[in-house]
Structures are given as C-alpha cells and as structure tokens.
C-alpha cells in the first residue's frame, strides 16, 4: 500500500514539475506562482462552468426540438 502511495506521489510530482517547466513558473517567486496559478484555476473554472451551462442548455433544447418533431 505504501508503494502505491509513493508511486502516486511520484506521478504527481513529475507532472507538476513538467507543468512548472512548460509554463516557466519554476523561475518566479512563490507569491507570483500562487497568483498565476490562482488565475489559471479561476479561468479554468469559468471555462468549465460556461461549457457545462451551454452544453446542458443545448442538449435540453435539442431534446425538446426532437420531441416536437415526432
């Protein structure tokens, strides 16, 4: 069980390091990293909410349209 936890920790550490390297956040200060990551989370959250609301509205509208044509 501890081996599984270590593997999971190693997996997330590896991908977090890749994220820092790709976004070049490894060379900024800690407070800057927190601000930028917070902005990323807010943008991703708004994007996800927007897509969820549009998709649910679109699917329900499509369902009503298909029921009316039958």
N, C-alpha and C. Protein backbone atom coordinates (compact mmCIF):
# COMPACT_ATOMS: atom_id res chain seq x y z
N UNK A 1 0.82 -1.20 0.00
CA UNK A 1 0.00 0.00 0.00
C UNK A 1 0.86 1.26 0.00
N UNK A 2 1.95 1.23 0.75
CA UNK A 2 2.82 2.42 0.78
C UNK A 2 3.52 2.60 -0.56
N UNK A 3 3.78 1.49 -1.26
CA UNK A 3 4.39 1.58 -2.58
C UNK A 3 3.45 2.28 -3.56
N UNK A 4 2.16 1.99 -3.45
CA UNK A 4 1.16 2.63 -4.29
C UNK A 4 1.12 4.14 -4.01
N UNK A 5 1.13 4.51 -2.76
CA UNK A 5 1.11 5.93 -2.39
C UNK A 5 2.37 6.63 -2.88
N UNK A 6 3.52 5.97 -2.78
CA UNK A 6 4.76 6.56 -3.28
C UNK A 6 4.72 6.73 -4.79
N UNK A 7 4.17 5.76 -5.49
CA UNK A 7 4.05 5.86 -6.95
C UNK A 7 3.11 7.00 -7.36
N UNK A 8 2.02 7.14 -6.63
CA UNK A 8 1.09 8.24 -6.92
C UNK A 8 1.76 9.57 -6.65
N UNK A 9 2.48 9.67 -5.55
CA UNK A 9 3.18 10.91 -5.21
C UNK A 9 4.24 11.22 -6.27
N UNK A 10 4.95 10.21 -6.71
CA UNK A 10 5.98 10.40 -7.74
C UNK A 10 5.35 10.84 -9.06
N UNK A 11 4.19 10.27 -9.40
CA UNK A 11 3.48 10.63 -10.62
C UNK A 11 3.09 12.10 -10.61
N UNK A 12 2.45 12.54 -9.50
CA UNK A 12 2.03 13.94 -9.42
C UNK A 12 3.22 14.88 -9.34
N UNK A 13 4.28 14.50 -8.67
CA UNK A 13 5.48 15.33 -8.61
C UNK A 13 6.07 15.51 -10.00
N UNK A 14 6.11 14.45 -10.77
CA UNK A 14 6.65 14.50 -12.12
C UNK A 14 5.83 15.45 -13.00
N UNK A 15 4.50 15.30 -12.96
CA UNK A 15 3.66 16.13 -13.80
C UNK A 15 3.61 17.57 -13.33
N UNK A 16 3.74 17.82 -12.02
CA UNK A 16 3.80 19.19 -11.52
C UNK A 16 5.10 19.85 -11.98
N UNK A 17 6.19 19.10 -11.97
CA UNK A 17 7.46 19.64 -12.47
C UNK A 17 7.36 19.96 -13.95
N UNK A 18 6.74 19.09 -14.72
CA UNK A 18 6.55 19.38 -16.15
C UNK A 18 5.69 20.62 -16.36
N UNK A 19 4.64 20.76 -15.56
CA UNK A 19 3.79 21.94 -15.62
C UNK A 19 4.60 23.20 -15.34
N UNK A 20 5.44 23.15 -14.31
CA UNK A 20 6.27 24.31 -13.98
C UNK A 20 7.25 24.63 -15.09
N UNK A 21 7.78 23.62 -15.72
CA UNK A 21 8.75 23.85 -16.80
C UNK A 21 8.07 24.41 -18.05
N UNK A 22 6.92 23.89 -18.39
CA UNK A 22 6.22 24.34 -19.59
C UNK A 22 5.73 25.77 -19.43
N UNK A 23 5.18 26.09 -18.26
CA UNK A 23 4.66 27.43 -18.03
C UNK A 23 5.75 28.40 -17.57
N UNK A 24 6.95 27.89 -17.38
CA UNK A 24 8.11 28.67 -16.91
C UNK A 24 7.87 29.31 -15.55
N UNK A 25 7.06 28.65 -14.73
CA UNK A 25 6.80 29.14 -13.38
C UNK A 25 7.88 28.72 -12.39
N UNK A 26 8.81 27.88 -12.79
CA UNK A 26 9.86 27.44 -11.89
C UNK A 26 10.82 28.56 -11.54
N UNK A 27 10.84 29.63 -12.32
CA UNK A 27 11.82 30.68 -12.06
C UNK A 27 11.21 31.94 -11.46
N UNK A 28 9.95 31.89 -11.04
CA UNK A 28 9.34 33.05 -10.39
C UNK A 28 9.28 32.80 -8.89
N UNK A 29 9.01 33.87 -8.16
CA UNK A 29 8.91 33.75 -6.71
C UNK A 29 7.62 33.04 -6.32
N UNK A 30 7.57 32.61 -5.07
CA UNK A 30 6.43 31.82 -4.60
C UNK A 30 5.12 32.60 -4.69
N UNK A 31 5.11 33.86 -4.29
CA UNK A 31 3.87 34.64 -4.33
C UNK A 31 3.39 34.84 -5.77
N UNK A 32 4.34 35.00 -6.70
CA UNK A 32 3.96 35.14 -8.11
C UNK A 32 3.36 33.85 -8.64
N UNK A 33 3.96 32.73 -8.23
CA UNK A 33 3.46 31.43 -8.65
C UNK A 33 2.03 31.21 -8.15
N UNK A 34 1.76 31.61 -6.91
CA UNK A 34 0.43 31.45 -6.34
C UNK A 34 -0.59 32.30 -7.08
N UNK A 35 -0.22 33.54 -7.40
CA UNK A 35 -1.14 34.44 -8.11
C UNK A 35 -1.45 33.89 -9.50
N UNK A 36 -0.43 33.48 -10.22
CA UNK A 36 -0.62 32.98 -11.59
C UNK A 36 -1.44 31.69 -11.57
N UNK A 37 -1.15 30.79 -10.64
CA UNK A 37 -1.91 29.54 -10.57
C UNK A 37 -3.35 29.80 -10.16
N UNK A 38 -3.58 30.79 -9.31
CA UNK A 38 -4.95 31.16 -8.94
C UNK A 38 -5.71 31.67 -10.16
N UNK A 39 -5.05 32.48 -10.96
CA UNK A 39 -5.68 32.98 -12.19
C UNK A 39 -6.00 31.82 -13.12
N UNK A 40 -5.07 30.86 -13.26
CA UNK A 40 -5.32 29.68 -14.08
C UNK A 40 -6.54 28.92 -13.58
N UNK A 41 -6.65 28.73 -12.27
CA UNK A 41 -7.77 27.98 -11.70
C UNK A 41 -9.09 28.72 -11.93
N UNK A 42 -9.08 30.04 -11.75
CA UNK A 42 -10.30 30.83 -11.97
C UNK A 42 -10.73 30.75 -13.43
N UNK A 43 -9.78 30.92 -14.35
CA UNK A 43 -10.12 30.86 -15.78
C UNK A 43 -10.63 29.47 -16.16
N UNK A 44 -9.96 28.43 -15.67
CA UNK A 44 -10.40 27.07 -15.98
C UNK A 44 -11.78 26.79 -15.38
N UNK A 45 -12.02 27.29 -14.16
CA UNK A 45 -13.32 27.10 -13.53
C UNK A 45 -14.43 27.80 -14.29
N UNK A 46 -14.18 29.05 -14.72
CA UNK A 46 -15.18 29.78 -15.50
C UNK A 46 -15.42 29.11 -16.85
N UNK A 47 -14.35 28.65 -17.47
CA UNK A 47 -14.46 27.95 -18.75
C UNK A 47 -15.29 26.67 -18.59
N UNK A 48 -15.03 25.92 -17.53
CA UNK A 48 -15.77 24.69 -17.30
C UNK A 48 -17.24 24.97 -17.01
N UNK A 49 -17.51 25.99 -16.18
CA UNK A 49 -18.90 26.34 -15.87
C UNK A 49 -19.63 26.81 -17.13
N UNK A 50 -18.97 27.63 -17.93
CA UNK A 50 -19.59 28.12 -19.16
C UNK A 50 -19.93 26.95 -20.08
N UNK A 51 -18.98 26.05 -20.27
CA UNK A 51 -19.24 24.89 -21.14
C UNK A 51 -20.34 24.01 -20.58
N UNK A 52 -20.34 23.81 -19.26
CA UNK A 52 -21.38 22.98 -18.65
C UNK A 52 -22.75 23.61 -18.85
N UNK A 53 -22.85 24.92 -18.62
CA UNK A 53 -24.15 25.57 -18.74
C UNK A 53 -24.62 25.60 -20.20
N UNK A 54 -23.71 25.84 -21.12
CA UNK A 54 -24.08 25.86 -22.54
C UNK A 54 -24.46 24.46 -23.01
N UNK A 55 -23.69 23.47 -22.63
CA UNK A 55 -23.99 22.10 -23.07
C UNK A 55 -25.30 21.60 -22.51
N UNK A 56 -25.56 21.86 -21.23
CA UNK A 56 -26.83 21.38 -20.66
C UNK A 56 -28.01 22.10 -21.29
N UNK A 57 -27.87 23.39 -21.53
CA UNK A 57 -28.94 24.13 -22.18
C UNK A 57 -29.12 23.64 -23.62
N UNK A 58 -28.03 23.44 -24.34
CA UNK A 58 -28.10 22.99 -25.73
C UNK A 58 -28.69 21.60 -25.86
N UNK A 59 -28.29 20.70 -24.97
CA UNK A 59 -28.81 19.33 -25.03
C UNK A 59 -30.29 19.31 -24.68
N UNK A 60 -30.71 20.08 -23.67
CA UNK A 60 -32.13 20.09 -23.32
C UNK A 60 -32.95 20.72 -24.44
N UNK A 61 -32.43 21.76 -25.07
CA UNK A 61 -33.13 22.39 -26.20
C UNK A 61 -33.22 21.42 -27.38
N UNK A 62 -32.13 20.70 -27.64
CA UNK A 62 -32.13 19.71 -28.72
C UNK A 62 -33.14 18.61 -28.43
N UNK A 63 -33.22 18.17 -27.17
CA UNK A 63 -34.19 17.14 -26.80
C UNK A 63 -35.61 17.61 -27.00
N UNK A 64 -35.90 18.85 -26.61
CA UNK A 64 -37.25 19.40 -26.81
C UNK A 64 -37.57 19.52 -28.30
N UNK A 65 -36.58 19.92 -29.09
CA UNK A 65 -36.78 20.08 -30.53
C UNK A 65 -37.08 18.72 -31.17
N UNK A 66 -36.35 17.69 -30.78
CA UNK A 66 -36.57 16.37 -31.35
C UNK A 66 -37.92 15.80 -30.93
N UNK A 67 -38.37 16.10 -29.71
CA UNK A 67 -39.67 15.61 -29.26
C UNK A 67 -40.80 16.31 -30.00
N UNK A 68 -40.61 17.58 -30.34
CA UNK A 68 -41.67 18.33 -31.04
C UNK A 68 -41.80 17.88 -32.49
N UNK A 69 -40.75 17.36 -33.08
CA UNK A 69 -40.82 16.98 -34.49
C UNK A 69 -41.41 15.59 -34.68
N UNK A 70 -41.50 14.81 -33.64
CA UNK A 70 -42.02 13.43 -33.77
C UNK A 70 -43.49 13.37 -33.69
